[in-house]
Structure formats: C-alpha cells, structure tokens
Protein backbone atom coordinates (compact mmCIF):
# COMPACT_ATOMS: atom_id res chain seq x y z
CA UNK A 1 -1.76 -7.45 8.52
CA UNK A 2 -1.45 -4.15 10.29
CA UNK A 3 -1.54 -0.64 8.86
CA UNK A 4 0.51 2.08 10.51
CA UNK A 5 0.27 5.81 10.08
CA UNK A 6 3.88 6.96 9.79
CA UNK A 7 5.74 10.26 9.76
CA UNK A 8 9.31 10.99 8.66
CA UNK A 9 11.72 13.39 10.36
CA UNK A 10 10.73 16.09 7.83
CA UNK A 11 7.06 15.79 8.82
CA UNK A 12 5.73 13.94 5.75
CA UNK A 13 2.79 11.73 6.76
CA UNK A 14 2.09 8.41 5.03
CA UNK A 15 0.72 4.92 5.72
CA UNK A 16 2.16 1.46 5.21
CA UNK A 17 1.06 -2.15 5.76
CA UNK A 18 3.11 -4.74 7.65
CA UNK A 19 2.67 -8.44 8.37
CA UNK A 20 2.72 -7.64 12.11
CA UNK A 21 4.29 -5.16 14.54
CA UNK A 22 7.49 -7.21 14.67
CA UNK A 23 7.85 -6.92 10.90
CA UNK A 24 7.60 -3.12 11.18
CA UNK A 25 10.24 -3.03 13.94
CA UNK A 26 12.59 -5.31 12.00
CA UNK A 27 12.23 -3.38 8.75
CA UNK A 28 12.67 -0.04 10.52
CA UNK A 29 15.88 -1.23 12.23
CA UNK A 30 17.25 -2.28 8.83
CA UNK A 31 16.22 1.13 7.40
CA UNK A 32 13.81 -0.49 4.93
CA UNK A 33 10.90 1.76 5.96
CA UNK A 34 11.40 5.03 4.08
CA UNK A 35 9.34 8.11 3.35
CA UNK A 36 7.85 7.98 -0.18
CA UNK A 37 8.31 11.75 -0.52
CA UNK A 38 11.89 12.40 0.66
CA UNK A 39 13.26 8.84 1.04
CA UNK A 40 14.23 9.47 4.67
CA UNK A 41 14.69 6.35 6.78
CA UNK A 42 14.07 8.38 9.96
CA UNK A 43 10.46 7.19 10.33
CA UNK A 44 8.25 6.94 13.42
CA UNK A 45 4.72 5.71 14.01
CA UNK A 46 2.15 8.50 14.10
CA UNK A 47 -1.01 8.57 16.20
CA UNK A 48 -3.95 6.81 14.56
CA UNK A 49 -7.35 5.55 15.66
CA UNK A 50 -7.95 1.78 15.70
CA UNK A 51 -10.39 0.33 13.20
CA UNK A 52 -13.25 -1.36 15.05
CA UNK A 53 -15.80 -3.63 13.39
CA UNK A 54 -19.50 -2.96 13.79
CA UNK A 55 -21.76 -5.86 14.77
CA UNK A 56 -21.17 -9.48 13.85
CA UNK A 57 -20.63 -8.95 10.11
CA UNK A 58 -17.34 -7.07 10.06
CA UNK A 59 -16.77 -7.51 6.33
CA UNK A 60 -20.10 -5.92 5.45
CA UNK A 61 -19.53 -2.94 7.75
CA UNK A 62 -18.31 0.30 6.24
CA UNK A 63 -14.73 1.11 7.20
CA UNK A 64 -14.27 3.38 10.17
CA UNK A 65 -12.46 6.56 9.10
CA UNK A 66 -8.89 6.67 10.37
CA UNK A 67 -7.51 9.66 12.22
CA UNK A 68 -5.30 11.68 9.95
CA UNK A 69 -2.24 13.61 11.00
CA UNK A 70 -2.84 17.34 11.16
CA UNK A 71 -1.86 19.03 7.92
CA UNK A 72 1.73 20.24 7.83
CA UNK A 73 2.64 23.59 6.33
CA UNK A 74 4.16 22.93 2.94
CA UNK A 75 6.77 24.96 1.18
CA UNK A 76 6.06 25.88 -2.45
CA UNK A 77 8.68 23.28 -3.44
CA UNK A 78 6.37 20.53 -2.13
CA UNK A 79 3.97 21.12 -5.02
CA UNK A 80 6.74 20.28 -7.50
CA UNK A 81 7.79 17.25 -5.46
CA UNK A 82 4.21 16.01 -5.26
CA UNK A 83 3.81 16.39 -9.02
CA UNK A 84 7.08 14.57 -9.57
CA UNK A 85 6.01 11.74 -7.26
CA UNK A 86 2.66 11.48 -9.05
CA UNK A 87 4.43 11.30 -12.42
CA UNK A 88 6.73 8.50 -11.15
CA UNK A 89 3.76 6.55 -9.78
CA UNK A 90 1.93 6.94 -13.11
CA UNK A 91 5.08 5.75 -14.93
CA UNK A 92 5.27 2.68 -12.66
CA UNK A 93 1.60 1.84 -13.18
CA UNK A 94 1.87 2.31 -16.96
CA UNK A 95 4.97 0.06 -17.07
CA UNK A 96 3.12 -2.72 -15.25
CA UNK A 97 0.08 -2.41 -17.52
CA UNK A 98 2.31 -2.53 -20.61
CA UNK A 99 4.44 -5.49 -19.46
CA UNK A 100 1.97 -7.68 -17.54
CA UNK A 101 -1.24 -9.55 -18.29
CA UNK A 102 -4.49 -8.06 -16.96
CA UNK A 103 -6.32 -11.00 -15.37
CA UNK A 104 -9.06 -8.81 -13.87
CA UNK A 105 -11.17 -10.44 -11.16
CA UNK A 106 -9.20 -13.68 -11.54
CA UNK A 107 -6.11 -12.09 -9.94
CA UNK A 108 -6.27 -13.93 -6.57
CA UNK A 109 -6.80 -17.32 -8.27
CA UNK A 110 -4.05 -16.73 -10.86
CA UNK A 111 -1.58 -15.53 -8.20
CA UNK A 112 -2.26 -18.67 -6.14
CA UNK A 113 -1.83 -20.98 -9.16
CA UNK A 114 1.57 -19.43 -9.90
CA UNK A 115 2.65 -19.47 -6.25
CA UNK A 116 1.80 -23.15 -5.84
CA UNK A 117 3.35 -24.13 -9.19
CA UNK A 118 0.10 -25.03 -10.98
CA UNK A 119 0.88 -22.65 -13.84
CA UNK A 120 4.01 -20.94 -15.17
CA UNK A 121 5.06 -17.69 -13.49
CA UNK A 122 4.39 -14.51 -15.44
CA UNK A 123 3.75 -10.86 -14.68
CA UNK A 124 0.06 -10.24 -13.94
CA UNK A 125 -2.16 -7.55 -12.52
CA UNK A 126 -5.85 -7.40 -11.77
CA UNK A 127 -8.40 -6.78 -9.06
CA UNK A 128 -8.64 -8.13 -5.52
CA UNK A 129 -10.66 -7.01 -2.54
CA UNK A 130 -8.79 -6.00 0.60
CA UNK A 131 -9.89 -9.31 2.14
CA UNK A 132 -8.51 -11.30 -0.83
CA UNK A 133 -5.26 -9.31 -0.79
CA UNK A 134 -4.84 -9.96 2.95
CA UNK A 135 -5.36 -13.71 2.38
CA UNK A 136 -2.74 -13.74 -0.40
CA UNK A 137 -0.19 -12.02 1.85
CA UNK A 138 -0.98 -14.39 4.74
CA UNK A 139 -0.29 -17.32 2.36
CA UNK A 140 3.14 -15.85 1.61
CA UNK A 141 2.23 -14.67 -1.89
CA UNK A 142 4.03 -11.42 -2.77
CA UNK A 143 1.65 -8.81 -4.16
CA UNK A 144 1.92 -5.06 -4.58
CA UNK A 145 -1.04 -2.76 -5.17
CA UNK A 146 -0.86 -0.50 -8.20
CA UNK A 147 -1.08 3.17 -7.20
CA UNK A 148 -4.46 4.84 -7.69
CA UNK A 149 -3.93 8.44 -8.70
CA UNK A 150 -6.39 11.32 -8.27
CA UNK A 151 -7.02 11.65 -12.01
CA UNK A 152 -7.96 7.94 -12.18
CA UNK A 153 -11.21 8.63 -10.35
CA UNK A 154 -12.17 11.91 -12.06
C-alpha cells in the first residue's frame, strides 16, 4: 500500500491510499481519483516526505509526521462546503452503524471468514490496526475505513 498526498486543480489538498503506484496511475487515467471537496478529476500528486522506520522494530516506532501542503487561502464559501462535507460523512458513518453489525476487535477475523466463505456475508464494521487493514487489502479483501470526524475525538 502507498499513500499519496494529492491536490486537485482548484488547490484542495487531500490524501489517498493505493495498492501501488501503478494502481494510482490506472485509476487517475480512468478519472476514478477525484477530489473529495469539489469532485474534480483533475488531480496531481503533491510533494510529501517519505515515511522512514526507526530502528529494527518499525511497527513499534511512532509514525514520522508527513509534510503537509501549505495552507491555501479559502473563500468564505469553503466553510459552508466543509460543513456540508462533514455532514455527509457523518450521514455515511451513521448509515453504516445503523445497517451493519459492530464486530469490534474481531473485524479482521470476521472479514477474512466472509471473504474465504467460512461464514455468510453480511455488513460489518469494527476496529483494525493500520497493519491489520493493510494485510486485509493485500489479501484482496475490500475494506473501507469509516470517517473519523473532529467532534468524535472531543
């Protein structure tokens, strides 16, 4: 998995994960990579610092902060758009929580059982570390993280 810092033609900065660089190129050519703010398919990679592990125990090391794009001046309209986007993300998260089973820490195991046909498919959500999520994706198991909104942590 590879994470790219991206920027649309209107200057909105965002990040996205891809299986590899070829997957990014393929999806971009097919206009599948779009800005989450304005839905523009005119997206380019932005400058970002590589993440480098510290010592021999990479998993235990704290993540290296990534370079962020310089802040862009925002028109007053952006505040409304950001609030609208946040409301849509909250609506999506609430829909999943209402219509899927919360399997908590068992999420990786349950997702694997369904993928390999050991149990019946159903909508689930739960918790997985970034390492567990990466392993699921590498196994070909489709997962999508639920959005974490600012008011979730306050």
